[in-house]
Amino acid sequence: MSQSFEALKTFIESARWFGGKGRPFEVTDVRRLGWVETGTPTRAAIDVVTLVYDDDGTSELYQLPLAFYAEREERLDHAFVGWWEEPELGGYAHVYDAPHDREAMAGWLAAFDQPDAGGPLEWHRLPGHDLDTEAHSTLFSGEQSNSSLAFGDDALLKVFRKVTPGVNPDIAVHRVLTEAGSTHVAHLYGWLEVAADSGPPLQLAMLQQFLRTASDGWESALASVRNLFAEADLHANEVGGDFAGEAARLGESLAEVHQVLAEHFPTHVRTAEQQAELATAMTGRLDAALDVVPELAKYADGLRATYAAVADVAGVQVQQVHGDLHLGQTLRTVKGWKIVDFEGEPAKPLAERVLPDSPWRDVAGMLRSFDYAPRVAERTAAQGADDTGAEQRAYRAAEWAERNCEAFLSAYAGRELTPDEQTLLDAYVADKAVYETVYEARNRPTWVPVPLTAIERLAG
């Protein structure tokens, strides 16, 4: 392995966006996709790295935007990738992760502003917005599977780290909703891709509207719950921080987004065989979860019955959906709710993430999020074993969850659900809760009771 391969491996395995942490792998190939002009002595390029895991031989592609300097740049020490020879630069270079470098990212912004169709890197722009090319980039620290940067108050750039040939649903959905004039997403300004010799392109990044003053939906919900806890003698509908109105508006927003997606993406009705396959898949996920969370065993029969009922639901229409919706994927702005991150579940292969599904899956994700928020606030407010307020907070948490789930669902549907819709929604909610028990068992074992409490209710 060359010196650069060793450096790339070391850098990737320590990066917060690397999805294969803990799995041994080797870098087997590095391909230079193209250079990005910066207008300064800084040189910038984009590489894609192929890595192969030792345990099962599977491979993945990761994008590395790079910045090259002849001398060490101390301001970028935290983003150092390695030091190796770059023939095109005429010698050795200090190499850094470009999203941390404002000079390199200024080149990206300029390329979006004046796309050049002649290069291997294809910078696409949608009309309707003039970019502020003088804005400096600021890298967000909280991003996980991707890297996001803000250019002043003007635009947000999301750099996809793990990439797969094909159309990224985050770009495809944002493009459709933007061109349809939807007010419930941050508008898409452009995207970056590189064409393949044959087959689909490799999409690398998207540039969109920056909602600088927006409030995170999850944090807003937690603030509402804490406000309720602080009012010992008031109910959820009596406190100043009541969230039900916001929950209802969010339900209306999601319904409108689903309607636009149904109008612009293919839809079809599931066959009886496909419905049976859905029930089988849910049961399979439960069986796998039992090995990780033995506490699920007492609810397994009830859950299996919930899933089995799905096979008898006919006429289920499926379409493009969000696929990974929860309060953390929403933003509250002065002009209403915005829904973000249409990539779907990052852990799933792209081929699965782009498959149509029932809108009730998105609804189920939101209902679980409305149930989770007060439980999180309840636990973080605990004051010890002798906490005399614990029982009251538990009651208030359940009250908040019920009120906001009902407000959201009523506004989304605009009517009573049919028995078949309720059956399908119950199954999706239970499926999500089972997933949550596995996640908590692996990451926060003391939190397993949170989804288990919901499963006890769902399983009858």
Foldseek 3Di string as FASTA:
>chain_A
DDPLQVLQVVLLQPDLQNPPHPFDKGWDDKDWQAWFDQVDPKTKTKIKIWMATPPPRDIFIFIAIKIWDQDDDVQQPVFWRDWDADVVVPGITGIGRPLSPQSRVLSVVVCLQPPDCPGQKGKFFDDDDHDPSVFTWDWDDPDGNWTWIDRHQFKIKTWGTTKDFDDQQQVVLLQLCQVVVQPAAFHWTIWMWGQDPDGGIITTMTMTGHQPPWDQQLVLLLVLLVQVLVPLPDALVPTPSNCLVQLLLVLLSQLVSVVSQPVPWDKDWDDLVVQQVQLVVLLVLLVVLCVLPVVCVVLSVLLNVLSNVSSVQGGQMWTQHQAQAESRQWIQDPVGIHGHRSRHDPVDDSVVSRDTDGNLLNLLRHLLRLLLSLVVSLVVPDDDPPRPCSVVSVVNSVSSSVSSNVSSVCSNVVDDDDPSSVSVNLSSNLSVLSVVLNVCSVPPVVCNVSSVVVSVVSSD
